[in-house]
């Protein structure tokens, strides 16, 4: 095996062991038991992929601690749904990378198939209810931006007293937020 191919395989091997630890770590913070089991299963499959590549390279590799830390904190900060959506792109890139390796063996072909299955399973895990509310949030922010900016421009020209403008702007912002919240509540 040439040096370039070995470097590519080592990169794939590092990616697999990193994802193994990442999925296991994410499974520990997941409250949904079905999602926890799925993440654990994917983590174990990633370890099996690592072992296949280790057999080819004969090298033991440590995981990318920064990548584990980064994605774990993304999931903790913004929720598992956001983190999985963010990580999903990586699964698609991984599949393309493995196809480029041009190692046509039954084991590598099986890894490519399982990586595709991982992507589909992770997409199904994403909580779409959360994502459908994002459009309401964006709509509310746009409405608030236009409403509040227009009101403050008018108050500034009419009142010319900064404390009074601040007070009226605060009242306008709160009433706009309550209005948007009540209309969204009535829509659902």
C-alpha atoms as a PDB file:
ATOM      1  CA  UNK A   1       0.000   0.000   0.000  1.00  0.00           C
ATOM      2  CA  UNK A   2       1.379   3.416  -0.942  1.00  0.00           C
ATOM      3  CA  UNK A   3       1.990   6.182   1.600  1.00  0.00           C
ATOM      4  CA  UNK A   4      -0.910   8.417   0.458  1.00  0.00           C
ATOM      5  CA  UNK A   5      -3.459   5.602   0.713  1.00  0.00           C
ATOM      6  CA  UNK A   6      -2.151   4.655   4.166  1.00  0.00           C
ATOM      7  CA  UNK A   7      -2.500   8.283   5.323  1.00  0.00           C
ATOM      8  CA  UNK A   8      -6.111   8.329   4.083  1.00  0.00           C
ATOM      9  CA  UNK A   9      -6.881   5.076   5.877  1.00  0.00           C
ATOM     10  CA  UNK A  10      -5.274   6.393   9.080  1.00  0.00           C
ATOM     11  CA  UNK A  11      -7.475   9.492   8.802  1.00  0.00           C
ATOM     12  CA  UNK A  12     -10.559   7.278   8.408  1.00  0.00           C
ATOM     13  CA  UNK A  13      -9.420   5.161  11.341  1.00  0.00           C
ATOM     14  CA  UNK A  14      -9.022   8.246  13.559  1.00  0.00           C
ATOM     15  CA  UNK A  15     -12.459   9.471  12.494  1.00  0.00           C
ATOM     16  CA  UNK A  16     -14.050   6.130  13.417  1.00  0.00           C
ATOM     17  CA  UNK A  17     -12.532   5.935  16.912  1.00  0.00           C
ATOM     18  CA  UNK A  18     -13.422   9.593  17.523  1.00  0.00           C
ATOM     19  CA  UNK A  19     -17.045   8.995  16.531  1.00  0.00           C
ATOM     20  CA  UNK A  20     -17.132   5.866  18.677  1.00  0.00           C
ATOM     21  CA  UNK A  21     -16.338   7.880  21.800  1.00  0.00           C
ATOM     22  CA  UNK A  22     -18.554  10.781  20.730  1.00  0.00           C
ATOM     23  CA  UNK A  23     -21.678   8.657  20.192  1.00  0.00           C
ATOM     24  CA  UNK A  24     -21.140   6.825  23.480  1.00  0.00           C
ATOM     25  CA  UNK A  25     -20.737  10.141  25.286  1.00  0.00           C
ATOM     26  CA  UNK A  26     -23.871  11.545  23.642  1.00  0.00           C
ATOM     27  CA  UNK A  27     -25.821   8.421  24.569  1.00  0.00           C
ATOM     28  CA  UNK A  28     -25.148   9.168  28.247  1.00  0.00           C
ATOM     29  CA  UNK A  29     -26.844  12.583  28.082  1.00  0.00           C
ATOM     30  CA  UNK A  30     -29.849  11.474  26.037  1.00  0.00           C
ATOM     31  CA  UNK A  31     -33.057  11.128  28.022  1.00  0.00           C
ATOM     32  CA  UNK A  32     -34.968   9.198  25.347  1.00  0.00           C
ATOM     33  CA  UNK A  33     -34.166   5.512  25.876  1.00  0.00           C
ATOM     34  CA  UNK A  34     -34.681   4.615  22.206  1.00  0.00           C
ATOM     35  CA  UNK A  35     -32.264   7.365  21.130  1.00  0.00           C
ATOM     36  CA  UNK A  36     -29.772   6.273  23.793  1.00  0.00           C
ATOM     37  CA  UNK A  37     -29.812   2.691  22.502  1.00  0.00           C
ATOM     38  CA  UNK A  38     -29.422   3.879  18.909  1.00  0.00           C
ATOM     39  CA  UNK A  39     -26.445   6.114  19.763  1.00  0.00           C
ATOM     40  CA  UNK A  40     -24.797   3.274  21.688  1.00  0.00           C
ATOM     41  CA  UNK A  41     -25.324   0.912  18.744  1.00  0.00           C
ATOM     42  CA  UNK A  42     -23.866   3.413  16.280  1.00  0.00           C
ATOM     43  CA  UNK A  43     -20.928   3.935  18.658  1.00  0.00           C
ATOM     44  CA  UNK A  44     -20.229   0.199  18.749  1.00  0.00           C
ATOM     45  CA  UNK A  45     -20.432  -0.011  14.951  1.00  0.00           C
ATOM     46  CA  UNK A  46     -17.941   2.859  14.696  1.00  0.00           C
ATOM     47  CA  UNK A  47     -15.578   0.865  16.943  1.00  0.00           C
ATOM     48  CA  UNK A  48     -15.956  -2.142  14.626  1.00  0.00           C
ATOM     49  CA  UNK A  49     -15.089   0.114  11.653  1.00  0.00           C
ATOM     50  CA  UNK A  50     -12.017   1.329  13.534  1.00  0.00           C
ATOM     51  CA  UNK A  51     -10.904  -2.274  14.067  1.00  0.00           C
ATOM     52  CA  UNK A  52     -11.267  -3.048  10.350  1.00  0.00           C
ATOM     53  CA  UNK A  53      -9.028  -0.105   9.467  1.00  0.00           C
ATOM     54  CA  UNK A  54      -6.622  -1.001  12.274  1.00  0.00           C
ATOM     55  CA  UNK A  55      -6.274  -4.462  10.759  1.00  0.00           C
ATOM     56  CA  UNK A  56      -5.356  -2.839   7.419  1.00  0.00           C
ATOM     57  CA  UNK A  57      -2.888  -0.276   8.816  1.00  0.00           C
ATOM     58  CA  UNK A  58      -1.545  -2.222  11.782  1.00  0.00           C
ATOM     59  CA  UNK A  59      -1.535   1.043  13.743  1.00  0.00           C
ATOM     60  CA  UNK A  60      -3.368   2.012  16.921  1.00  0.00           C
ATOM     61  CA  UNK A  61      -4.677   5.602  16.860  1.00  0.00           C
ATOM     62  CA  UNK A  62      -6.033   7.858  19.586  1.00  0.00           C
ATOM     63  CA  UNK A  63      -9.321   9.747  19.078  1.00  0.00           C
ATOM     64  CA  UNK A  64      -9.518  13.457  18.269  1.00  0.00           C
ATOM     65  CA  UNK A  65     -10.295  14.807  21.749  1.00  0.00           C
ATOM     66  CA  UNK A  66     -11.044  18.312  20.442  1.00  0.00           C
ATOM     67  CA  UNK A  67     -13.671  17.003  17.994  1.00  0.00           C
ATOM     68  CA  UNK A  68     -15.343  14.971  20.760  1.00  0.00           C
ATOM     69  CA  UNK A  69     -15.316  17.988  23.075  1.00  0.00           C
ATOM     70  CA  UNK A  70     -16.616  20.323  20.328  1.00  0.00           C
ATOM     71  CA  UNK A  71     -19.585  18.220  19.197  1.00  0.00           C
ATOM     72  CA  UNK A  72     -20.446  17.179  22.750  1.00  0.00           C
ATOM     73  CA  UNK A  73     -20.618  20.820  23.834  1.00  0.00           C
ATOM     74  CA  UNK A  74     -22.632  21.766  20.737  1.00  0.00           C
ATOM     75  CA  UNK A  75     -25.177  19.090  21.699  1.00  0.00           C
ATOM     76  CA  UNK A  76     -25.177  20.156  25.354  1.00  0.00           C
ATOM     77  CA  UNK A  77     -25.540  23.862  24.520  1.00  0.00           C
ATOM     78  CA  UNK A  78     -27.969  23.803  21.610  1.00  0.00           C
ATOM     79  CA  UNK A  79     -29.647  20.445  22.097  1.00  0.00           C
ATOM     80  CA  UNK A  80     -29.201  17.012  20.595  1.00  0.00           C
ATOM     81  CA  UNK A  81     -31.379  17.912  17.599  1.00  0.00           C
ATOM     82  CA  UNK A  82     -29.140  20.789  16.559  1.00  0.00           C
ATOM     83  CA  UNK A  83     -25.959  18.813  17.247  1.00  0.00           C
ATOM     84  CA  UNK A  84     -27.106  15.802  15.219  1.00  0.00           C
ATOM     85  CA  UNK A  85     -28.127  18.033  12.325  1.00  0.00           C
ATOM     86  CA  UNK A  86     -24.690  19.637  12.509  1.00  0.00           C
ATOM     87  CA  UNK A  87     -22.978  16.239  12.634  1.00  0.00           C
ATOM     88  CA  UNK A  88     -25.101  14.823   9.790  1.00  0.00           C
ATOM     89  CA  UNK A  89     -22.988  16.631   7.208  1.00  0.00           C
ATOM     90  CA  UNK A  90     -19.965  14.785   8.551  1.00  0.00           C
ATOM     91  CA  UNK A  91     -21.635  11.423   7.922  1.00  0.00           C
ATOM     92  CA  UNK A  92     -22.248  12.305   4.257  1.00  0.00           C
ATOM     93  CA  UNK A  93     -18.634  13.466   3.887  1.00  0.00           C
ATOM     94  CA  UNK A  94     -17.424  10.236   5.499  1.00  0.00           C
ATOM     95  CA  UNK A  95     -19.305   8.108   2.963  1.00  0.00           C
ATOM     96  CA  UNK A  96     -17.768  10.035   0.050  1.00  0.00           C
ATOM     97  CA  UNK A  97     -14.319   9.770   1.642  1.00  0.00           C
ATOM     98  CA  UNK A  98     -14.614   5.984   1.990  1.00  0.00           C
ATOM     99  CA  UNK A  99     -15.660   5.619  -1.625  1.00  0.00           C
ATOM    100  CA  UNK A 100     -12.559   7.601  -2.623  1.00  0.00           C
ATOM    101  CA  UNK A 101     -10.326   5.226  -0.660  1.00  0.00           C
ATOM    102  CA  UNK A 102     -10.884   2.676  -3.408  1.00  0.00           C
ATOM    103  CA  UNK A 103     -10.438  -0.287  -1.060  1.00  0.00           C
ATOM    104  CA  UNK A 104     -12.899  -2.742  -2.508  1.00  0.00           C
ATOM    105  CA  UNK A 105     -13.248  -5.441   0.064  1.00  0.00           C
ATOM    106  CA  UNK A 106     -16.369  -6.853   1.635  1.00  0.00           C
ATOM    107  CA  UNK A 107     -15.491  -5.247   4.976  1.00  0.00           C
ATOM    108  CA  UNK A 108     -14.985  -1.732   3.551  1.00  0.00           C
ATOM    109  CA  UNK A 109     -18.110  -2.014   1.412  1.00  0.00           C
ATOM    110  CA  UNK A 110     -19.994  -3.021   4.577  1.00  0.00           C
ATOM    111  CA  UNK A 111     -18.571   0.054   6.376  1.00  0.00           C
ATOM    112  CA  UNK A 112     -19.822   2.308   3.567  1.00  0.00           C
ATOM    113  CA  UNK A 113     -23.276   0.737   3.822  1.00  0.00           C
ATOM    114  CA  UNK A 114     -23.336   1.123   7.613  1.00  0.00           C
ATOM    115  CA  UNK A 115     -22.216   4.768   7.402  1.00  0.00           C
ATOM    116  CA  UNK A 116     -25.154   5.408   5.060  1.00  0.00           C
ATOM    117  CA  UNK A 117     -27.457   3.665   7.562  1.00  0.00           C
ATOM    118  CA  UNK A 118     -26.011   5.826  10.368  1.00  0.00           C
ATOM    119  CA  UNK A 119     -26.883   8.957   8.435  1.00  0.00           C
ATOM    120  CA  UNK A 120     -30.461   7.795   7.893  1.00  0.00           C
ATOM    121  CA  UNK A 121     -30.886   6.763  11.536  1.00  0.00           C
ATOM    122  CA  UNK A 122     -29.519  10.077  12.799  1.00  0.00           C
ATOM    123  CA  UNK A 123     -31.836  12.014  10.494  1.00  0.00           C
ATOM    124  CA  UNK A 124     -34.819  10.036  11.831  1.00  0.00           C
ATOM    125  CA  UNK A 125     -33.717  10.818  15.379  1.00  0.00           C
ATOM    126  CA  UNK A 126     -33.917  14.554  14.840  1.00  0.00           C
ATOM    127  CA  UNK A 127     -36.904  16.017  16.638  1.00  0.00           C
ATOM    128  CA  UNK A 128     -38.760  17.831  13.863  1.00  0.00           C
ATOM    129  CA  UNK A 129     -41.259  19.398  16.311  1.00  0.00           C
ATOM    130  CA  UNK A 130     -38.456  21.580  17.612  1.00  0.00           C
ATOM    131  CA  UNK A 131     -37.424  22.604  14.114  1.00  0.00           C
ATOM    132  CA  UNK A 132     -40.951  23.588  13.051  1.00  0.00           C
ATOM    133  CA  UNK A 133     -41.025  26.218  15.819  1.00  0.00           C
ATOM    134  CA  UNK A 134     -37.857  27.788  14.462  1.00  0.00           C
ATOM    135  CA  UNK A 135     -39.851  29.392  11.652  1.00  0.00           C
ATOM    136  CA  UNK A 136     -42.072  31.031  14.284  1.00  0.00           C
ATOM    137  CA  UNK A 137     -39.020  32.307  16.121  1.00  0.00           C
ATOM    138  CA  UNK A 138     -37.560  33.803  12.940  1.00  0.00           C
ATOM    139  CA  UNK A 139     -40.919  35.358  12.023  1.00  0.00           C
ATOM    140  CA  UNK A 140     -41.243  36.824  15.510  1.00  0.00           C
ATOM    141  CA  UNK A 141     -37.724  38.266  15.413  1.00  0.00           C
ATOM    142  CA  UNK A 142     -38.349  39.856  12.019  1.00  0.00           C
ATOM    143  CA  UNK A 143     -41.654  41.315  13.171  1.00  0.00           C
ATOM    144  CA  UNK A 144     -40.108  42.634  16.377  1.00  0.00           C
ATOM    145  CA  UNK A 145     -37.195  44.173  14.514  1.00  0.00           C
ATOM    146  CA  UNK A 146     -39.445  46.069  12.104  1.00  0.00           C
ATOM    147  CA  UNK A 147     -42.032  47.048  14.737  1.00  0.00           C
ATOM    148  CA  UNK A 148     -39.556  48.151  17.384  1.00  0.00           C
ATOM    149  CA  UNK A 149     -37.251  49.987  14.979  1.00  0.00           C
ATOM    150  CA  UNK A 150     -40.152  51.906  13.469  1.00  0.00           C
ATOM    151  CA  UNK A 151     -41.606  52.763  16.856  1.00  0.00           C
ATOM    152  CA  UNK A 152     -38.260  53.916  18.259  1.00  0.00           C
ATOM    153  CA  UNK A 153     -37.577  56.088  15.210  1.00  0.00           C
ATOM    154  CA  UNK A 154     -40.964  57.752  15.639  1.00  0.00           C
ATOM    155  CA  UNK A 155     -40.553  58.185  19.407  1.00  0.00           C
ATOM    156  CA  UNK A 156     -37.084  59.678  18.951  1.00  0.00           C
ATOM    157  CA  UNK A 157     -38.352  62.328  16.581  1.00  0.00           C
ATOM    158  CA  UNK A 158     -41.466  63.071  18.657  1.00  0.00           C
ATOM    159  CA  UNK A 159     -40.160  62.980  22.224  1.00  0.00           C
ATOM    160  CA  UNK A 160     -36.441  63.965  22.203  1.00  0.00           C
ATOM    161  CA  UNK A 161     -36.074  62.772  25.829  1.00  0.00           C
ATOM    162  CA  UNK A 162     -33.784  59.702  26.054  1.00  0.00           C
ATOM    163  CA  UNK A 163     -35.231  58.330  29.295  1.00  0.00           C
ATOM    164  CA  UNK A 164     -38.786  58.653  28.022  1.00  0.00           C
ATOM    165  CA  UNK A 165     -37.817  57.070  24.661  1.00  0.00           C
ATOM    166  CA  UNK A 166     -36.178  54.181  26.535  1.00  0.00           C
ATOM    167  CA  UNK A 167     -39.268  53.627  28.673  1.00  0.00           C
ATOM    168  CA  UNK A 168     -41.677  53.789  25.728  1.00  0.00           C
ATOM    169  CA  UNK A 169     -39.369  51.488  23.689  1.00  0.00           C
ATOM    170  CA  UNK A 170     -39.295  48.954  26.527  1.00  0.00           C
ATOM    171  CA  UNK A 171     -43.076  49.020  26.827  1.00  0.00           C
ATOM    172  CA  UNK A 172     -43.422  48.622  23.028  1.00  0.00           C
ATOM    173  CA  UNK A 173     -40.984  45.682  23.031  1.00  0.00           C
ATOM    174  CA  UNK A 174     -42.768  43.890  25.871  1.00  0.00           C
ATOM    175  CA  UNK A 175     -46.202  44.416  24.352  1.00  0.00           C
ATOM    176  CA  UNK A 176     -44.935  43.194  20.950  1.00  0.00           C
ATOM    177  CA  UNK A 177     -43.453  40.066  22.575  1.00  0.00           C
ATOM    178  CA  UNK A 178     -46.711  39.334  24.403  1.00  0.00           C
ATOM    179  CA  UNK A 179     -48.685  39.885  21.211  1.00  0.00           C
ATOM    180  CA  UNK A 180     -46.505  37.493  19.185  1.00  0.00           C
ATOM    181  CA  UNK A 181     -46.499  34.897  21.974  1.00  0.00           C
ATOM    182  CA  UNK A 182     -50.282  34.953  22.342  1.00  0.00           C
ATOM    183  CA  UNK A 183     -50.864  34.729  18.590  1.00  0.00           C
ATOM    184  CA  UNK A 184     -48.441  31.772  18.306  1.00  0.00           C
ATOM    185  CA  UNK A 185     -50.124  30.094  21.278  1.00  0.00           C
ATOM    186  CA  UNK A 186     -53.521  30.442  19.584  1.00  0.00           C
ATOM    187  CA  UNK A 187     -52.114  29.039  16.299  1.00  0.00           C
ATOM    188  CA  UNK A 188     -50.987  25.759  17.897  1.00  0.00           C
END
